[in-house]
Protein backbone atom coordinates (compact mmCIF):
# COMPACT_ATOMS: atom_id res chain seq x y z
CA UNK A 1 204.55 -37.15 240.54
CA UNK A 2 205.93 -37.89 237.04
CA UNK A 3 204.29 -38.91 233.78
CA UNK A 4 204.67 -42.63 234.51
CA UNK A 5 203.20 -42.57 238.05
CA UNK A 6 200.35 -40.06 237.88
CA UNK A 7 196.86 -41.61 237.75
CA UNK A 8 195.14 -42.13 234.42
CA UNK A 9 192.03 -40.52 235.74
CA UNK A 10 192.50 -36.78 236.15
CA UNK A 11 190.85 -33.64 234.98
CA UNK A 12 188.01 -33.85 232.44
CA UNK A 13 188.95 -33.21 228.79
CA UNK A 14 189.26 -29.59 227.70
CA UNK A 15 186.60 -28.09 225.44
CA UNK A 16 186.85 -25.54 222.67
CA UNK A 17 183.74 -23.46 221.87
CA UNK A 18 181.60 -26.02 223.67
CA UNK A 19 183.00 -28.94 221.66
CA UNK A 20 184.99 -31.68 223.32
CA UNK A 21 188.56 -32.02 222.02
CA UNK A 22 188.15 -35.80 222.27
CA UNK A 23 185.15 -35.59 220.01
CA UNK A 24 187.10 -33.58 217.47
CA UNK A 25 189.94 -36.10 217.49
CA UNK A 26 187.57 -39.03 217.06
CA UNK A 27 185.93 -37.34 214.10
CA UNK A 28 189.27 -36.71 212.40
CA UNK A 29 190.38 -40.29 213.03
CA UNK A 30 187.20 -41.60 211.46
CA UNK A 31 187.75 -39.54 208.32
CA UNK A 32 191.32 -40.82 208.01
CA UNK A 33 190.25 -44.47 208.35
CA UNK A 34 187.50 -44.09 205.75
CA UNK A 35 189.97 -42.49 203.33
CA UNK A 36 192.43 -45.35 203.83
CA UNK A 37 189.79 -47.98 203.13
CA UNK A 38 188.62 -46.19 200.00
CA UNK A 39 192.22 -45.82 198.74
CA UNK A 40 192.91 -49.51 199.28
CA UNK A 41 189.76 -50.60 197.42
CA UNK A 42 190.52 -48.27 194.50
CA UNK A 43 194.10 -49.58 194.30
CA UNK A 44 192.88 -53.17 194.10
CA UNK A 45 190.40 -52.30 191.38
CA UNK A 46 193.07 -50.51 189.37
CA UNK A 47 195.39 -53.55 189.56
CA UNK A 48 197.94 -51.91 191.88
CA UNK A 49 198.45 -54.05 194.99
CA UNK A 50 198.96 -52.44 198.39
CA UNK A 51 202.51 -52.14 199.75
CA UNK A 52 204.17 -55.49 200.48
CA UNK A 53 204.92 -56.50 204.02
CA UNK A 54 208.44 -57.65 204.87
CA UNK A 55 207.90 -61.36 204.31
CA UNK A 56 209.98 -63.71 202.22
CA UNK A 57 208.41 -65.04 199.02
CA UNK A 58 208.58 -68.78 198.33
CA UNK A 59 207.86 -69.74 194.75
CA UNK A 60 207.47 -73.31 193.45
CA UNK A 61 207.49 -73.62 189.67
CA UNK A 62 204.99 -76.29 188.62
CA UNK A 63 207.27 -78.66 186.73
CA UNK A 64 210.90 -78.09 187.68
CA UNK A 65 210.80 -79.11 191.34
CA UNK A 66 212.69 -75.93 192.25
CA UNK A 67 212.10 -73.91 195.38
CA UNK A 68 213.07 -70.26 195.00
CA UNK A 69 213.35 -68.31 198.23
CA UNK A 70 213.57 -64.55 197.81
CA UNK A 71 213.53 -61.62 200.21
CA UNK A 72 211.01 -58.84 199.40
CA UNK A 73 213.76 -56.33 198.72
CA UNK A 74 215.52 -58.65 196.26
CA UNK A 75 215.19 -58.15 192.55
CA UNK A 76 213.47 -60.51 190.16
CA UNK A 77 216.71 -62.40 189.47
CA UNK A 78 217.87 -62.55 193.07
CA UNK A 79 217.37 -65.26 195.62
CA UNK A 80 218.53 -68.82 196.15
CA UNK A 81 217.14 -71.74 194.18
CA UNK A 82 217.30 -75.30 195.50
CA UNK A 83 216.33 -78.07 193.11
CA UNK A 84 214.72 -81.04 194.84
CA UNK A 85 211.44 -82.90 194.58
CA UNK A 86 210.49 -82.45 198.22
CA UNK A 87 212.02 -79.07 199.02
CA UNK A 88 215.13 -80.46 200.71
CA UNK A 89 218.66 -80.51 199.27
CA UNK A 90 219.33 -84.05 198.10
CA UNK A 91 222.86 -84.24 199.56
CA UNK A 92 222.16 -82.80 203.00
CA UNK A 93 220.16 -84.93 205.39
CA UNK A 94 219.08 -82.80 208.33
CA UNK A 95 218.90 -79.61 206.24
CA UNK A 96 215.78 -77.50 206.40
CA UNK A 97 214.51 -74.53 204.42
CA UNK A 98 213.65 -71.48 206.49
CA UNK A 99 212.62 -67.86 206.04
CA UNK A 100 216.09 -66.28 206.16
CA UNK A 101 215.48 -63.24 203.98
CA UNK A 102 218.40 -61.88 202.01
CA UNK A 103 220.93 -63.51 204.33
CA UNK A 104 220.43 -66.99 202.92
CA UNK A 105 217.81 -69.59 202.14
CA UNK A 106 218.89 -72.62 204.14
CA UNK A 107 219.82 -73.34 207.71
CA UNK A 108 221.36 -76.46 209.18
CA UNK A 109 219.38 -78.52 211.63
CA UNK A 110 220.31 -78.08 215.27
CA UNK A 111 218.88 -81.46 216.23
CA UNK A 112 221.25 -84.37 216.71
CA UNK A 113 220.37 -87.45 214.69
CA UNK A 114 220.32 -90.25 217.32
CA UNK A 115 220.79 -92.90 214.62
CA UNK A 116 224.27 -91.46 214.05
CA UNK A 117 225.45 -91.92 217.64
CA UNK A 118 226.54 -94.86 219.73
CA UNK A 119 227.55 -95.18 223.38
CA UNK A 120 231.27 -95.08 224.09
CA UNK A 121 233.40 -95.07 227.19
CA UNK A 122 232.98 -91.32 227.67
CA UNK A 123 229.60 -90.64 226.10
CA UNK A 124 227.91 -90.61 222.71
CA UNK A 125 230.25 -90.76 219.71
CA UNK A 126 229.54 -90.55 215.97
CA UNK A 127 228.89 -93.63 213.87
CA UNK A 128 227.57 -94.51 210.43
CA UNK A 129 223.80 -95.00 210.58
CA UNK A 130 222.04 -98.34 209.98
CA UNK A 131 221.06 -97.10 206.51
CA UNK A 132 224.66 -96.15 205.65
CA UNK A 133 224.21 -92.43 206.30
CA UNK A 134 227.51 -90.92 207.45
CA UNK A 135 227.72 -88.05 209.95
CA UNK A 136 229.61 -86.20 207.19
CA UNK A 137 226.59 -86.48 204.89
CA UNK A 138 224.13 -85.50 207.60
CA UNK A 139 225.98 -82.49 208.97
CA UNK A 140 227.74 -80.87 205.99
CA UNK A 141 226.48 -77.59 204.58
CA UNK A 142 225.10 -78.39 201.11
CA UNK A 143 225.76 -76.28 198.06
CA UNK A 144 222.82 -74.62 196.32
CA UNK A 145 221.80 -76.60 193.24
CA UNK A 146 222.25 -73.47 191.15
CA UNK A 147 225.80 -72.60 192.21
CA UNK A 148 228.10 -70.29 190.28
CA UNK A 149 229.48 -72.98 187.99
CA UNK A 150 232.94 -72.35 186.62
CA UNK A 151 234.05 -69.88 189.28
CA UNK A 152 237.21 -70.66 191.27
CA UNK A 153 236.14 -71.97 194.68
CA UNK A 154 237.60 -70.93 198.02
CA UNK A 155 236.87 -72.57 201.37
CA UNK A 156 237.99 -71.33 204.78
CA UNK A 157 237.83 -73.01 208.17
CA UNK A 158 238.13 -70.92 211.34
CA UNK A 159 239.27 -72.82 214.45
CA UNK A 160 239.40 -72.05 218.16
CA UNK A 161 235.65 -71.50 218.29
CA UNK A 162 234.25 -72.11 221.76
CA UNK A 163 237.34 -70.98 223.68
CA UNK A 164 236.44 -67.29 224.07
CA UNK A 165 232.96 -65.82 224.24
CA UNK A 166 233.68 -62.75 222.10
CA UNK A 167 235.61 -64.51 219.36
CA UNK A 168 233.10 -67.35 219.28
CA UNK A 169 230.11 -65.04 218.92
CA UNK A 170 231.85 -62.93 216.30
CA UNK A 171 232.80 -65.97 214.26
CA UNK A 172 229.22 -67.27 214.33
CA UNK A 173 227.49 -63.95 213.69
CA UNK A 174 229.86 -61.96 211.47
CA UNK A 175 231.25 -64.58 209.11
CA UNK A 176 229.23 -65.76 206.10
CA UNK A 177 227.52 -69.12 206.65
CA UNK A 178 229.69 -70.67 203.96
CA UNK A 179 232.72 -70.32 206.27
CA UNK A 180 233.28 -73.58 208.18
CA UNK A 181 233.95 -73.39 211.93
CA UNK A 182 236.06 -75.74 214.06
CA UNK A 183 235.28 -76.02 217.76
CA UNK A 184 238.09 -76.67 220.25
CA UNK A 185 237.26 -79.58 222.59
CA UNK A 186 238.19 -77.57 225.69
CA UNK A 187 235.60 -74.79 225.40
CA UNK A 188 232.59 -74.36 227.63
CA UNK A 189 228.97 -74.96 226.62
CA UNK A 190 230.17 -76.60 223.42
CA UNK A 191 226.85 -78.26 222.64
CA UNK A 192 225.13 -74.90 222.79
CA UNK A 193 227.89 -73.30 220.69
CA UNK A 194 227.57 -76.08 218.12
CA UNK A 195 223.81 -75.54 217.88
CA UNK A 196 224.24 -71.77 217.55
CA UNK A 197 226.84 -72.17 214.82
CA UNK A 198 224.66 -74.54 212.82
CA UNK A 199 221.60 -72.35 213.31
CA UNK A 200 223.60 -69.55 211.67
CA UNK A 201 224.34 -71.88 208.74
CA UNK A 202 227.93 -72.91 209.48
CA UNK A 203 229.02 -76.52 209.15
CA UNK A 204 231.26 -77.42 212.08
CA UNK A 205 234.33 -79.55 212.76
CA UNK A 206 235.97 -80.92 215.89
CA UNK A 207 239.54 -79.74 216.45
CA UNK A 208 241.72 -82.64 217.55
CA UNK A 209 245.12 -81.89 219.16
CA UNK A 210 248.01 -83.81 217.63
CA UNK A 211 251.55 -83.94 219.00
CA UNK A 212 253.83 -81.09 217.88
CA UNK A 213 257.60 -81.42 217.54
CA UNK A 214 258.29 -79.59 220.81
CA UNK A 215 255.89 -81.58 222.97
CA UNK A 216 255.59 -81.45 226.00
CA UNK A 217 257.06 -77.95 226.15
CA UNK A 218 254.28 -77.07 223.73
CA UNK A 219 251.29 -79.05 224.97
CA UNK A 220 248.13 -78.62 222.83
CA UNK A 221 245.93 -79.86 225.65
CA UNK A 222 244.37 -82.82 227.40
CA UNK A 223 244.10 -86.05 225.40
CA UNK A 224 246.59 -84.95 222.72
CA UNK A 225 247.28 -87.79 220.31
CA UNK A 226 250.94 -88.88 220.60
CA UNK A 227 253.30 -90.60 218.16
CA UNK A 228 254.77 -92.96 220.76
CA UNK A 229 251.45 -93.92 222.33
CA UNK A 230 249.95 -97.29 221.54
CA UNK A 231 247.34 -97.14 218.75
CA UNK A 232 244.62 -98.21 221.19
CA UNK A 233 245.57 -95.39 223.56
CA UNK A 234 245.31 -92.82 220.78
CA UNK A 235 241.89 -94.17 219.75
CA UNK A 236 240.82 -93.90 223.40
CA UNK A 237 242.00 -90.27 223.49
CA UNK A 238 240.19 -89.59 220.22
CA UNK A 239 237.01 -91.13 221.62
CA UNK A 240 237.08 -88.74 224.60
CA UNK A 241 237.53 -85.78 222.26
CA UNK A 242 234.66 -86.91 220.03
CA UNK A 243 232.19 -86.88 222.95
CA UNK A 244 232.53 -83.18 223.76
CA UNK A 245 229.76 -82.13 221.34
CA UNK A 246 227.90 -83.48 218.33
CA UNK A 247 226.79 -82.59 214.81
CA UNK A 248 230.26 -82.14 213.32
CA UNK A 249 231.07 -83.22 209.78
CA UNK A 250 234.59 -84.29 210.64
CA UNK A 251 237.76 -83.48 212.54
CA UNK A 252 240.53 -80.97 211.81
CA UNK A 253 244.11 -81.20 213.02
CA UNK A 254 245.42 -78.82 215.64
CA UNK A 255 249.22 -78.39 216.08
CA UNK A 256 250.53 -81.87 215.32
CA UNK A 257 253.69 -81.24 213.30
CA UNK A 258 255.27 -84.44 214.55
CA UNK A 259 252.14 -86.60 214.47
CA UNK A 260 250.93 -85.57 211.03
CA UNK A 261 254.39 -86.39 209.65
CA UNK A 262 254.31 -89.98 210.93
CA UNK A 263 252.34 -92.34 208.68
CA UNK A 264 252.44 -95.23 211.16
CA UNK A 265 250.88 -93.15 213.93
CA UNK A 266 248.33 -91.62 211.56
CA UNK A 267 247.03 -94.81 209.97
CA UNK A 268 244.95 -96.16 212.91
CA UNK A 269 243.41 -92.73 213.50
CA UNK A 270 242.46 -92.31 209.85
CA UNK A 271 240.97 -95.79 209.80
CA UNK A 272 238.86 -94.93 212.87
CA UNK A 273 237.58 -91.74 211.22
CA UNK A 274 236.68 -93.69 208.09
CA UNK A 275 234.83 -96.29 210.15
CA UNK A 276 232.79 -93.55 211.80
CA UNK A 277 231.91 -91.72 208.59
CA UNK A 278 233.80 -88.52 209.38
CA UNK A 279 235.90 -86.25 207.21
CA UNK A 280 239.59 -85.64 207.95
CA UNK A 281 240.81 -82.07 207.42
CA UNK A 282 244.49 -81.15 207.70
CA UNK A 283 244.80 -77.50 208.76
CA UNK A 284 247.91 -77.06 206.60
CA UNK A 285 250.14 -75.90 209.45
CA UNK A 286 252.93 -78.43 208.82
CA UNK A 287 254.90 -78.71 205.59
CA UNK A 288 255.98 -82.22 206.63
CA UNK A 289 252.47 -83.58 206.81
CA UNK A 290 251.80 -86.95 205.15
CA UNK A 291 248.08 -86.92 205.83
CA UNK A 292 247.24 -87.00 202.11
CA UNK A 293 249.33 -90.13 201.57
CA UNK A 294 247.56 -91.93 204.40
CA UNK A 295 244.05 -90.61 203.89
CA UNK A 296 243.18 -90.35 200.18
CA UNK A 297 241.13 -93.33 199.09
CA UNK A 298 240.30 -94.31 202.67
CA UNK A 299 238.53 -91.36 204.30
CA UNK A 300 236.90 -88.14 203.03
CA UNK A 301 239.87 -85.77 203.08
CA UNK A 302 241.04 -82.22 202.41
CA UNK A 303 244.10 -80.18 203.33
CA UNK A 304 244.35 -76.43 203.78
CA UNK A 305 246.77 -74.74 201.40
CA UNK A 306 247.51 -71.73 203.62
CA UNK A 307 247.20 -70.67 207.25
CA UNK A 308 245.81 -67.18 206.76
CA UNK A 309 246.71 -65.67 210.13
CA UNK A 310 250.32 -66.54 210.85
CA UNK A 311 250.52 -62.84 211.77
CA UNK A 312 247.71 -61.40 213.89
CA UNK A 313 247.09 -58.33 211.76
CA UNK A 314 244.21 -57.52 209.40
CA UNK A 315 246.47 -56.35 206.59
CA UNK A 316 248.61 -59.47 206.86
CA UNK A 317 245.50 -61.68 206.80
CA UNK A 318 244.19 -59.79 203.77
CA UNK A 319 247.49 -60.45 201.98
CA UNK A 320 247.22 -64.17 202.71
CA UNK A 321 243.67 -64.16 201.40
CA UNK A 322 244.97 -62.57 198.20
CA UNK A 323 247.47 -65.44 197.91
CA UNK A 324 244.58 -67.85 198.37
CA UNK A 325 242.73 -66.15 195.53
CA UNK A 326 245.76 -66.41 193.25
CA UNK A 327 246.03 -70.14 193.97
CA UNK A 328 242.31 -70.66 193.35
CA UNK A 329 242.55 -68.73 190.11
CA UNK A 330 245.38 -70.97 188.97
CA UNK A 331 244.07 -74.33 190.18
CA UNK A 332 240.30 -73.84 190.41
CA UNK A 333 240.05 -74.12 194.21
CA UNK A 334 241.93 -73.30 197.40
CA UNK A 335 241.47 -73.89 201.14
CA UNK A 336 242.58 -71.62 203.97
CA UNK A 337 242.60 -72.11 207.73
CA UNK A 338 242.69 -69.60 210.55
CA UNK A 339 241.68 -68.95 214.14
CA UNK A 340 238.85 -67.00 215.75
CA UNK A 341 240.95 -63.89 216.43
CA UNK A 342 239.18 -60.52 216.03
CA UNK A 343 241.59 -59.42 213.28
CA UNK A 344 241.12 -62.68 211.38
CA UNK A 345 237.33 -62.55 211.63
CA UNK A 346 237.17 -58.94 210.48
CA UNK A 347 239.57 -59.51 207.59
CA UNK A 348 237.69 -62.59 206.38
CA UNK A 349 234.35 -60.81 206.73
CA UNK A 350 235.56 -57.84 204.65
CA UNK A 351 237.16 -60.11 202.05
CA UNK A 352 234.04 -62.24 201.68
CA UNK A 353 231.86 -59.21 200.95
CA UNK A 354 233.66 -58.62 197.65
CA UNK A 355 234.93 -62.08 196.72
CA UNK A 356 231.92 -62.84 194.52
CA UNK A 357 232.36 -59.59 192.62
CA UNK A 358 235.97 -60.59 191.92
CA UNK A 359 234.81 -63.86 190.39
CA UNK A 360 235.21 -66.31 193.28
CA UNK A 361 232.73 -68.62 194.99
CA UNK A 362 232.99 -69.18 198.74
CA UNK A 363 232.11 -72.75 199.64
CA UNK A 364 232.19 -74.86 202.82
CA UNK A 365 235.27 -77.01 203.31
CA UNK A 366 233.27 -80.21 202.78
CA UNK A 367 232.65 -79.15 199.17
CA UNK A 368 236.37 -79.44 198.43
CA UNK A 369 237.01 -82.92 199.76
CA UNK A 370 238.34 -86.06 198.15
CA UNK A 371 235.73 -88.70 199.01
CA UNK A 372 236.28 -92.41 198.42
CA UNK A 373 232.50 -93.05 198.34
CA UNK A 374 231.72 -90.36 195.77
CA UNK A 375 233.20 -88.85 192.64
CA UNK A 376 236.36 -87.00 193.55
CA UNK A 377 235.40 -83.41 194.26
CA UNK A 378 238.94 -82.01 194.14
CA UNK A 379 242.36 -83.13 192.99
CA UNK A 380 244.98 -83.20 195.72
CA UNK A 381 248.15 -81.51 194.41
């Protein structure tokens, strides 16, 4: 019989000099409890509060409308401040404030806004709401109201999320929430992956496969948009892709060297994205891309300056990130794109830990868009 299976009732308690050991222990315990109570009362009277429990402090200054969320271990000047009358960021519908400790003060809602969906041939697809709210506005990750003004800004989008369990989980868990994630339409449990990514604070995009130059030898996947297809057929393919999950701020190109270089093929797709209130992000993989010419002024748009993992090696990725920093230092902003490879994730994670100390601000991709409905946030080179 071992310690876990022997009965609780056994031999009577041992005694020392006629005194029960249990009685001795109870007496000692009582003395300790009395001493603790006395110490606590004396500390209150002397103005010294008892030790703080590990709960996040939420302070609301009386007149500024600011909500400051600070972890207990943070210093007096640490924490994230969000300025808003009702405690919600003004430019992020569907954003909630949560107790996130030192890791961050906001999380993105994991609930789909039904007003931003309509029924299509293959399921629910995004649309602009009856009040004019765009899916982009509802599902972007907002910037804190007290951002690091004047710092060069760098945004990174990591694609291929949802295709592999390990890479997907690492991208969600190990990358800072400011890093945007793009989900491939062919992954499994994409709705669950999308919710997990947003719960961790990442804004998400839908990767859309566009025709490369060597198609069909290089086939990006089912429902790839093709240059020689009729515009209606490409919109139908796009509609299927858009039904695979929800809550994305926009779409990002995948492959597509031939398609993104053809303005006539691009135009109907860009118009459809604009009609549905989505952002269009070019992953920067093709030097022949004309997406900026077709998109700027019509749809919220951005283009990655560098693909950071053309070589699957941490040192090579770190070198590309250094190039991204140099560009941001020169121009004021830069955008990089990559894939959810272990080396890429680890290199980006390590880089992000020290980027702020080097004078850079990491922002979501949506913060560096050209938006026809708002003041231009970036200048397209």
